[in-house]
């Protein structure tokens, strides 16, 4: 888990993922973007993922929106931990 966005524009053309069952079969993933989520402790706990069945390139606006959603989820997680 790295701190930056992880984007695969066309999974079927990427040698790391081309033979993955989720790419070769249902749901036939082509595009994947993952934004890392972190616990308040700083530990990476997962990703906020966007997938599609067609290849895509994200523009500056879409990248900004994905990062804003990531920050919102991280802030929400931080608030929930304080409630426990």
PDB file of N, CA and C in Angstrom:
ATOM      1  N   UNK A   1       0.843  -1.183   0.000  1.00  0.00           N
ATOM      2  CA  UNK A   1       0.000   0.000   0.000  1.00  0.00           C
ATOM      3  C   UNK A   1       0.885   1.241   0.000  1.00  0.00           C
ATOM      4  N   UNK A   2       0.759   1.989  -1.047  1.00  0.00           N
ATOM      5  CA  UNK A   2       1.504   3.230  -1.175  1.00  0.00           C
ATOM      6  C   UNK A   2       0.552   4.396  -0.933  1.00  0.00           C
ATOM      7  N   UNK A   3       1.081   5.557  -0.578  1.00  0.00           N
ATOM      8  CA  UNK A   3       0.205   6.682  -0.244  1.00  0.00           C
ATOM      9  C   UNK A   3      -0.457   7.365  -1.439  1.00  0.00           C
ATOM     10  N   UNK A   4       0.001   7.084  -2.648  1.00  0.00           N
ATOM     11  CA  UNK A   4      -0.577   7.756  -3.814  1.00  0.00           C
ATOM     12  C   UNK A   4      -1.665   6.904  -4.469  1.00  0.00           C
ATOM     13  N   UNK A   5      -2.403   7.542  -5.374  1.00  0.00           N
ATOM     14  CA  UNK A   5      -3.428   6.829  -6.132  1.00  0.00           C
ATOM     15  C   UNK A   5      -2.774   5.741  -6.979  1.00  0.00           C
ATOM     16  N   UNK A   6      -3.466   4.629  -7.131  1.00  0.00           N
ATOM     17  CA  UNK A   6      -2.999   3.527  -7.968  1.00  0.00           C
ATOM     18  C   UNK A   6      -4.008   3.377  -9.097  1.00  0.00           C
ATOM     19  N   UNK A   7      -3.555   3.627 -10.323  1.00  0.00           N
ATOM     20  CA  UNK A   7      -4.476   3.645 -11.451  1.00  0.00           C
ATOM     21  C   UNK A   7      -4.000   2.685 -12.540  1.00  0.00           C
ATOM     22  N   UNK A   8      -4.920   1.855 -12.991  1.00  0.00           N
ATOM     23  CA  UNK A   8      -4.698   0.965 -14.125  1.00  0.00           C
ATOM     24  C   UNK A   8      -5.705   1.375 -15.190  1.00  0.00           C
ATOM     25  N   UNK A   9      -5.239   1.976 -16.258  1.00  0.00           N
ATOM     26  CA  UNK A   9      -6.155   2.484 -17.284  1.00  0.00           C
ATOM     27  C   UNK A   9      -6.800   1.366 -18.097  1.00  0.00           C
ATOM     28  N   UNK A  10      -6.054   0.287 -18.348  1.00  0.00           N
ATOM     29  CA  UNK A  10      -6.603  -0.864 -19.082  1.00  0.00           C
ATOM     30  C   UNK A  10      -5.961  -2.130 -18.529  1.00  0.00           C
ATOM     31  N   UNK A  11      -6.673  -2.785 -17.641  1.00  0.00           N
ATOM     32  CA  UNK A  11      -6.137  -3.963 -16.964  1.00  0.00           C
ATOM     33  C   UNK A  11      -5.826  -5.100 -17.939  1.00  0.00           C
ATOM     34  N   UNK A  12      -6.570  -5.187 -19.039  1.00  0.00           N
ATOM     35  CA  UNK A  12      -6.316  -6.270 -19.991  1.00  0.00           C
ATOM     36  C   UNK A  12      -5.006  -6.066 -20.748  1.00  0.00           C
ATOM     37  N   UNK A  13      -4.484  -4.846 -20.763  1.00  0.00           N
ATOM     38  CA  UNK A  13      -3.224  -4.547 -21.443  1.00  0.00           C
ATOM     39  C   UNK A  13      -2.052  -4.449 -20.464  1.00  0.00           C
ATOM     40  N   UNK A  14      -2.329  -4.607 -19.182  1.00  0.00           N
ATOM     41  CA  UNK A  14      -1.289  -4.499 -18.158  1.00  0.00           C
ATOM     42  C   UNK A  14      -0.831  -5.897 -17.774  1.00  0.00           C
ATOM     43  N   UNK A  15       0.449  -6.226 -17.983  1.00  0.00           N
ATOM     44  CA  UNK A  15       0.914  -7.597 -17.703  1.00  0.00           C
ATOM     45  C   UNK A  15       0.730  -8.029 -16.252  1.00  0.00           C
ATOM     46  N   UNK A  16       0.620  -7.087 -15.323  1.00  0.00           N
ATOM     47  CA  UNK A  16       0.414  -7.447 -13.915  1.00  0.00           C
ATOM     48  C   UNK A  16      -0.992  -7.971 -13.667  1.00  0.00           C
ATOM     49  N   UNK A  17      -1.949  -7.614 -14.532  1.00  0.00           N
ATOM     50  CA  UNK A  17      -3.354  -7.933 -14.275  1.00  0.00           C
ATOM     51  C   UNK A  17      -4.058  -8.639 -15.422  1.00  0.00           C
ATOM     52  N   UNK A  18      -3.431  -8.739 -16.571  1.00  0.00           N
ATOM     53  CA  UNK A  18      -4.092  -9.260 -17.778  1.00  0.00           C
ATOM     54  C   UNK A  18      -4.672 -10.658 -17.585  1.00  0.00           C
ATOM     55  N   UNK A  19      -4.035 -11.488 -16.750  1.00  0.00           N
ATOM     56  CA  UNK A  19      -4.548 -12.851 -16.568  1.00  0.00           C
ATOM     57  C   UNK A  19      -5.367 -13.017 -15.282  1.00  0.00           C
ATOM     58  N   UNK A  20      -5.690 -11.917 -14.623  1.00  0.00           N
ATOM     59  CA  UNK A  20      -6.496 -11.969 -13.404  1.00  0.00           C
ATOM     60  C   UNK A  20      -7.914 -12.430 -13.761  1.00  0.00           C
ATOM     61  N   UNK A  21      -8.496 -13.339 -12.999  1.00  0.00           N
ATOM     62  CA  UNK A  21      -9.849 -13.830 -13.299  1.00  0.00           C
ATOM     63  C   UNK A  21     -10.912 -12.733 -13.340  1.00  0.00           C
ATOM     64  N   UNK A  22     -10.719 -11.642 -12.599  1.00  0.00           N
ATOM     65  CA  UNK A  22     -11.684 -10.543 -12.627  1.00  0.00           C
ATOM     66  C   UNK A  22     -11.545  -9.689 -13.885  1.00  0.00           C
ATOM     67  N   UNK A  23     -10.444  -9.879 -14.596  1.00  0.00           N
ATOM     68  CA  UNK A  23     -10.216  -9.187 -15.861  1.00  0.00           C
ATOM     69  C   UNK A  23     -10.622 -10.091 -17.020  1.00  0.00           C
ATOM     70  N   UNK A  24     -10.239 -11.356 -16.953  1.00  0.00           N
ATOM     71  CA  UNK A  24     -10.531 -12.290 -18.044  1.00  0.00           C
ATOM     72  C   UNK A  24     -11.978 -12.771 -18.035  1.00  0.00           C
ATOM     73  N   UNK A  25     -12.627 -12.691 -16.893  1.00  0.00           N
ATOM     74  CA  UNK A  25     -14.020 -13.117 -16.751  1.00  0.00           C
ATOM     75  C   UNK A  25     -14.820 -12.062 -16.012  1.00  0.00           C
ATOM     76  N   UNK A  26     -16.041 -12.430 -15.654  1.00  0.00           N
ATOM     77  CA  UNK A  26     -16.908 -11.481 -14.946  1.00  0.00           C
ATOM     78  C   UNK A  26     -16.232 -11.016 -13.659  1.00  0.00           C
ATOM     79  N   UNK A  27     -16.271  -9.749 -13.392  1.00  0.00           N
ATOM     80  CA  UNK A  27     -17.023  -8.661 -14.013  1.00  0.00           C
ATOM     81  C   UNK A  27     -16.284  -7.940 -15.152  1.00  0.00           C
ATOM     82  N   UNK A  28     -15.232  -8.533 -15.698  1.00  0.00           N
ATOM     83  CA  UNK A  28     -14.489  -7.997 -16.848  1.00  0.00           C
ATOM     84  C   UNK A  28     -13.947  -6.591 -16.569  1.00  0.00           C
ATOM     85  N   UNK A  29     -13.217  -6.467 -15.478  1.00  0.00           N
ATOM     86  CA  UNK A  29     -12.645  -5.170 -15.100  1.00  0.00           C
ATOM     87  C   UNK A  29     -11.617  -4.736 -16.138  1.00  0.00           C
ATOM     88  N   UNK A  30     -11.726  -3.502 -16.564  1.00  0.00           N
ATOM     89  CA  UNK A  30     -10.725  -2.904 -17.451  1.00  0.00           C
ATOM     90  C   UNK A  30     -10.027  -1.741 -16.764  1.00  0.00           C
ATOM     91  N   UNK A  31     -10.804  -0.905 -16.091  1.00  0.00           N
ATOM     92  CA  UNK A  31     -10.246   0.269 -15.423  1.00  0.00           C
ATOM     93  C   UNK A  31     -10.313   0.081 -13.915  1.00  0.00           C
ATOM     94  N   UNK A  32      -9.253   0.490 -13.222  1.00  0.00           N
ATOM     95  CA  UNK A  32      -9.214   0.438 -11.762  1.00  0.00           C
ATOM     96  C   UNK A  32      -8.471   1.668 -11.254  1.00  0.00           C
ATOM     97  N   UNK A  33      -9.055   2.324 -10.280  1.00  0.00           N
ATOM     98  CA  UNK A  33      -8.374   3.403  -9.564  1.00  0.00           C
ATOM     99  C   UNK A  33      -8.586   3.159  -8.086  1.00  0.00           C
ATOM    100  N   UNK A  34      -7.511   3.123  -7.341  1.00  0.00           N
ATOM    101  CA  UNK A  34      -7.587   2.901  -5.907  1.00  0.00           C
ATOM    102  C   UNK A  34      -6.936   4.043  -5.151  1.00  0.00           C
ATOM    103  N   UNK A  35      -7.665   4.610  -4.212  1.00  0.00           N
ATOM    104  CA  UNK A  35      -7.156   5.683  -3.359  1.00  0.00           C
ATOM    105  C   UNK A  35      -6.960   5.097  -1.962  1.00  0.00           C
ATOM    106  N   UNK A  36      -5.752   5.174  -1.427  1.00  0.00           N
ATOM    107  CA  UNK A  36      -5.475   4.543  -0.134  1.00  0.00           C
ATOM    108  C   UNK A  36      -6.241   5.187   1.021  1.00  0.00           C
ATOM    109  N   UNK A  37      -6.707   4.335   1.916  1.00  0.00           N
ATOM    110  CA  UNK A  37      -7.385   4.783   3.133  1.00  0.00           C
ATOM    111  C   UNK A  37      -6.502   4.456   4.326  1.00  0.00           C
ATOM    112  N   UNK A  38      -6.480   5.365   5.291  1.00  0.00           N
ATOM    113  CA  UNK A  38      -5.625   5.187   6.457  1.00  0.00           C
ATOM    114  C   UNK A  38      -6.413   5.368   7.739  1.00  0.00           C
ATOM    115  N   UNK A  39      -6.037   4.588   8.739  1.00  0.00           N
ATOM    116  CA  UNK A  39      -6.597   4.767  10.076  1.00  0.00           C
ATOM    117  C   UNK A  39      -5.922   5.992  10.687  1.00  0.00           C
ATOM    118  N   UNK A  40      -6.523   6.577  11.712  1.00  0.00           N
ATOM    119  CA  UNK A  40      -5.895   7.721  12.374  1.00  0.00           C
ATOM    120  C   UNK A  40      -4.471   7.425  12.851  1.00  0.00           C
ATOM    121  N   UNK A  41      -4.174   6.166  13.114  1.00  0.00           N
ATOM    122  CA  UNK A  41      -2.826   5.770  13.541  1.00  0.00           C
ATOM    123  C   UNK A  41      -1.815   5.863  12.403  1.00  0.00           C
ATOM    124  N   UNK A  42      -2.319   6.050  11.166  1.00  0.00           N
ATOM    125  CA  UNK A  42      -1.434   6.119  10.007  1.00  0.00           C
ATOM    126  C   UNK A  42      -1.314   4.815   9.257  1.00  0.00           C
ATOM    127  N   UNK A  43      -1.851   3.740   9.812  1.00  0.00           N
ATOM    128  CA  UNK A  43      -1.797   2.444   9.142  1.00  0.00           C
ATOM    129  C   UNK A  43      -2.741   2.425   7.944  1.00  0.00           C
ATOM    130  N   UNK A  44      -2.248   1.896   6.833  1.00  0.00           N
ATOM    131  CA  UNK A  44      -3.097   1.743   5.654  1.00  0.00           C
ATOM    132  C   UNK A  44      -4.070   0.597   5.911  1.00  0.00           C
ATOM    133  N   UNK A  45      -5.367   0.865   5.670  1.00  0.00           N
ATOM    134  CA  UNK A  45      -6.384  -0.143   5.986  1.00  0.00           C
ATOM    135  C   UNK A  45      -7.177  -0.607   4.773  1.00  0.00           C
ATOM    136  N   UNK A  46      -6.920  -0.030   3.622  1.00  0.00           N
ATOM    137  CA  UNK A  46      -7.645  -0.443   2.429  1.00  0.00           C
ATOM    138  C   UNK A  46      -7.626   0.641   1.379  1.00  0.00           C
ATOM    139  N   UNK A  47      -8.538   0.514   0.418  1.00  0.00           N
ATOM    140  CA  UNK A  47      -8.613   1.499  -0.647  1.00  0.00           C
ATOM    141  C   UNK A  47     -10.066   1.831  -0.968  1.00  0.00           C
ATOM    142  N   UNK A  48     -10.254   3.038  -1.418  1.00  0.00           N
ATOM    143  CA  UNK A  48     -11.501   3.453  -2.015  1.00  0.00           C
ATOM    144  C   UNK A  48     -11.319   3.213  -3.502  1.00  0.00           C
ATOM    145  N   UNK A  49     -12.075   2.281  -4.069  1.00  0.00           N
ATOM    146  CA  UNK A  49     -11.848   1.832  -5.444  1.00  0.00           C
ATOM    147  C   UNK A  49     -12.946   2.290  -6.391  1.00  0.00           C
ATOM    148  N   UNK A  50     -12.513   2.586  -7.603  1.00  0.00           N
ATOM    149  CA  UNK A  50     -13.420   2.879  -8.700  1.00  0.00           C
ATOM    150  C   UNK A  50     -13.037   1.915  -9.812  1.00  0.00           C
ATOM    151  N   UNK A  51     -14.024   1.172 -10.332  1.00  0.00           N
ATOM    152  CA  UNK A  51     -13.743   0.237 -11.415  1.00  0.00           C
ATOM    153  C   UNK A  51     -14.733   0.460 -12.549  1.00  0.00           C
ATOM    154  N   UNK A  52     -14.343   0.012 -13.732  1.00  0.00           N
ATOM    155  CA  UNK A  52     -15.237   0.091 -14.886  1.00  0.00           C
ATOM    156  C   UNK A  52     -14.907  -1.056 -15.821  1.00  0.00           C
ATOM    157  N   UNK A  53     -15.823  -1.320 -16.723  1.00  0.00           N
ATOM    158  CA  UNK A  53     -15.639  -2.409 -17.685  1.00  0.00           C
ATOM    159  C   UNK A  53     -15.059  -1.916 -19.008  1.00  0.00           C
ATOM    160  N   UNK A  54     -14.718  -0.649 -19.064  1.00  0.00           N
ATOM    161  CA  UNK A  54     -14.053  -0.088 -20.243  1.00  0.00           C
ATOM    162  C   UNK A  54     -12.809   0.657 -19.791  1.00  0.00           C
ATOM    163  N   UNK A  55     -11.756   0.684 -20.627  1.00  0.00           N
ATOM    164  CA  UNK A  55     -10.562   1.450 -20.268  1.00  0.00           C
ATOM    165  C   UNK A  55     -10.897   2.936 -20.102  1.00  0.00           C
ATOM    166  N   UNK A  56     -10.194   3.593 -19.200  1.00  0.00           N
ATOM    167  CA  UNK A  56     -10.428   5.016 -18.929  1.00  0.00           C
ATOM    168  C   UNK A  56      -9.124   5.719 -18.605  1.00  0.00           C
ATOM    169  N   UNK A  57      -9.133   7.024 -18.800  1.00  0.00           N
ATOM    170  CA  UNK A  57      -8.078   7.910 -18.311  1.00  0.00           C
ATOM    171  C   UNK A  57      -8.780   8.966 -17.478  1.00  0.00           C
ATOM    172  N   UNK A  58      -8.272   9.200 -16.287  1.00  0.00           N
ATOM    173  CA  UNK A  58      -8.869  10.222 -15.441  1.00  0.00           C
ATOM    174  C   UNK A  58      -8.193  11.557 -15.714  1.00  0.00           C
ATOM    175  N   UNK A  59      -9.016  12.592 -15.830  1.00  0.00           N
ATOM    176  CA  UNK A  59      -8.499  13.942 -15.975  1.00  0.00           C
ATOM    177  C   UNK A  59      -8.254  14.558 -14.613  1.00  0.00           C
ATOM    178  N   UNK A  60      -7.798  15.785 -14.618  1.00  0.00           N
ATOM    179  CA  UNK A  60      -7.477  16.485 -13.371  1.00  0.00           C
ATOM    180  C   UNK A  60      -8.693  16.609 -12.458  1.00  0.00           C
ATOM    181  N   UNK A  61      -9.861  16.875 -13.033  1.00  0.00           N
ATOM    182  CA  UNK A  61     -11.071  17.024 -12.217  1.00  0.00           C
ATOM    183  C   UNK A  61     -11.424  15.697 -11.554  1.00  0.00           C
ATOM    184  N   UNK A  62     -11.400  14.608 -12.318  1.00  0.00           N
ATOM    185  CA  UNK A  62     -11.732  13.293 -11.744  1.00  0.00           C
ATOM    186  C   UNK A  62     -10.725  12.883 -10.670  1.00  0.00           C
ATOM    187  N   UNK A  63      -9.456  13.155 -10.903  1.00  0.00           N
ATOM    188  CA  UNK A  63      -8.430  12.842  -9.898  1.00  0.00           C
ATOM    189  C   UNK A  63      -8.661  13.644  -8.624  1.00  0.00           C
ATOM    190  N   UNK A  64      -9.035  14.895  -8.778  1.00  0.00           N
ATOM    191  CA  UNK A  64      -9.309  15.748  -7.627  1.00  0.00           C
ATOM    192  C   UNK A  64     -10.522  15.239  -6.849  1.00  0.00           C
ATOM    193  N   UNK A  65     -11.558  14.811  -7.562  1.00  0.00           N
ATOM    194  CA  UNK A  65     -12.763  14.276  -6.904  1.00  0.00           C
ATOM    195  C   UNK A  65     -12.436  12.998  -6.148  1.00  0.00           C
ATOM    196  N   UNK A  66     -11.678  12.101  -6.760  1.00  0.00           N
ATOM    197  CA  UNK A  66     -11.314  10.853  -6.090  1.00  0.00           C
ATOM    198  C   UNK A  66     -10.501  11.136  -4.830  1.00  0.00           C
ATOM    199  N   UNK A  67      -9.575  12.088  -4.911  1.00  0.00           N
ATOM    200  CA  UNK A  67      -8.779  12.432  -3.740  1.00  0.00           C
ATOM    201  C   UNK A  67      -9.648  13.073  -2.654  1.00  0.00           C
ATOM    202  N   UNK A  68     -10.617  13.896  -3.053  1.00  0.00           N
ATOM    203  CA  UNK A  68     -11.520  14.507  -2.075  1.00  0.00           C
ATOM    204  C   UNK A  68     -12.363  13.436  -1.374  1.00  0.00           C
ATOM    205  N   UNK A  69     -12.838  12.451  -2.128  1.00  0.00           N
ATOM    206  CA  UNK A  69     -13.595  11.346  -1.524  1.00  0.00           C
ATOM    207  C   UNK A  69     -12.718  10.561  -0.561  1.00  0.00           C
ATOM    208  N   UNK A  70     -11.470  10.329  -0.937  1.00  0.00           N
ATOM    209  CA  UNK A  70     -10.527   9.620  -0.056  1.00  0.00           C
ATOM    210  C   UNK A  70     -10.351  10.384   1.252  1.00  0.00           C
ATOM    211  N   UNK A  71     -10.149  11.688   1.154  1.00  0.00           N
ATOM    212  CA  UNK A  71      -9.969  12.498   2.361  1.00  0.00           C
ATOM    213  C   UNK A  71     -11.222  12.464   3.236  1.00  0.00           C
ATOM    214  N   UNK A  72     -12.397  12.535   2.614  1.00  0.00           N
ATOM    215  CA  UNK A  72     -13.650  12.490   3.358  1.00  0.00           C
ATOM    216  C   UNK A  72     -13.807  11.167   4.108  1.00  0.00           C
ATOM    217  N   UNK A  73     -13.501  10.064   3.447  1.00  0.00           N
ATOM    218  CA  UNK A  73     -13.585   8.757   4.110  1.00  0.00           C
ATOM    219  C   UNK A  73     -12.581   8.685   5.258  1.00  0.00           C
ATOM    220  N   UNK A  74     -11.350   9.152   5.031  1.00  0.00           N
ATOM    221  CA  UNK A  74     -10.352   9.137   6.106  1.00  0.00           C
ATOM    222  C   UNK A  74     -10.803   9.985   7.290  1.00  0.00           C
ATOM    223  N   UNK A  75     -11.373  11.163   7.014  1.00  0.00           N
ATOM    224  CA  UNK A  75     -11.869  12.024   8.096  1.00  0.00           C
ATOM    225  C   UNK A  75     -13.019  11.351   8.840  1.00  0.00           C
ATOM    226  N   UNK A  76     -13.896  10.688   8.115  1.00  0.00           N
ATOM    227  CA  UNK A  76     -15.013   9.978   8.743  1.00  0.00           C
ATOM    228  C   UNK A  76     -14.497   8.848   9.625  1.00  0.00           C
ATOM    229  N   UNK A  77     -13.508   8.111   9.120  1.00  0.00           N
ATOM    230  CA  UNK A  77     -12.919   7.033   9.922  1.00  0.00           C
ATOM    231  C   UNK A  77     -12.273   7.593  11.185  1.00  0.00           C
ATOM    232  N   UNK A  78     -11.613   8.712  11.080  1.00  0.00           N
ATOM    233  CA  UNK A  78     -10.970   9.329  12.237  1.00  0.00           C
ATOM    234  C   UNK A  78     -12.015   9.735  13.277  1.00  0.00           C
ATOM    235  N   UNK A  79     -13.151  10.257  12.825  1.00  0.00           N
ATOM    236  CA  UNK A  79     -14.221  10.639  13.741  1.00  0.00           C
ATOM    237  C   UNK A  79     -14.856   9.439  14.411  1.00  0.00           C
ATOM    238  N   UNK A  80     -15.024   8.350  13.672  1.00  0.00           N
ATOM    239  CA  UNK A  80     -15.636   7.144  14.229  1.00  0.00           C
ATOM    240  C   UNK A  80     -14.742   6.515  15.289  1.00  0.00           C
ATOM    241  N   UNK A  81     -13.422   6.559  15.070  1.00  0.00           N
ATOM    242  CA  UNK A  81     -12.515   5.965  16.053  1.00  0.00           C
ATOM    243  C   UNK A  81     -12.593   6.724  17.370  1.00  0.00           C
ATOM    244  N   UNK A  82     -12.762   8.035  17.296  1.00  0.00           N
ATOM    245  CA  UNK A  82     -12.860   8.839  18.505  1.00  0.00           C
ATOM    246  C   UNK A  82     -14.136   8.581  19.286  1.00  0.00           C
ATOM    247  N   UNK A  83     -15.159   8.042  18.637  1.00  0.00           N
ATOM    248  CA  UNK A  83     -16.441   7.768  19.294  1.00  0.00           C
ATOM    249  C   UNK A  83     -16.417   6.471  20.088  1.00  0.00           C
ATOM    250  N   UNK A  84     -15.475   5.606  19.822  1.00  0.00           N
ATOM    251  CA  UNK A  84     -15.461   4.282  20.483  1.00  0.00           C
ATOM    252  C   UNK A  84     -14.862   4.349  21.858  1.00  0.00           C
TER     253      UNK A  84
END
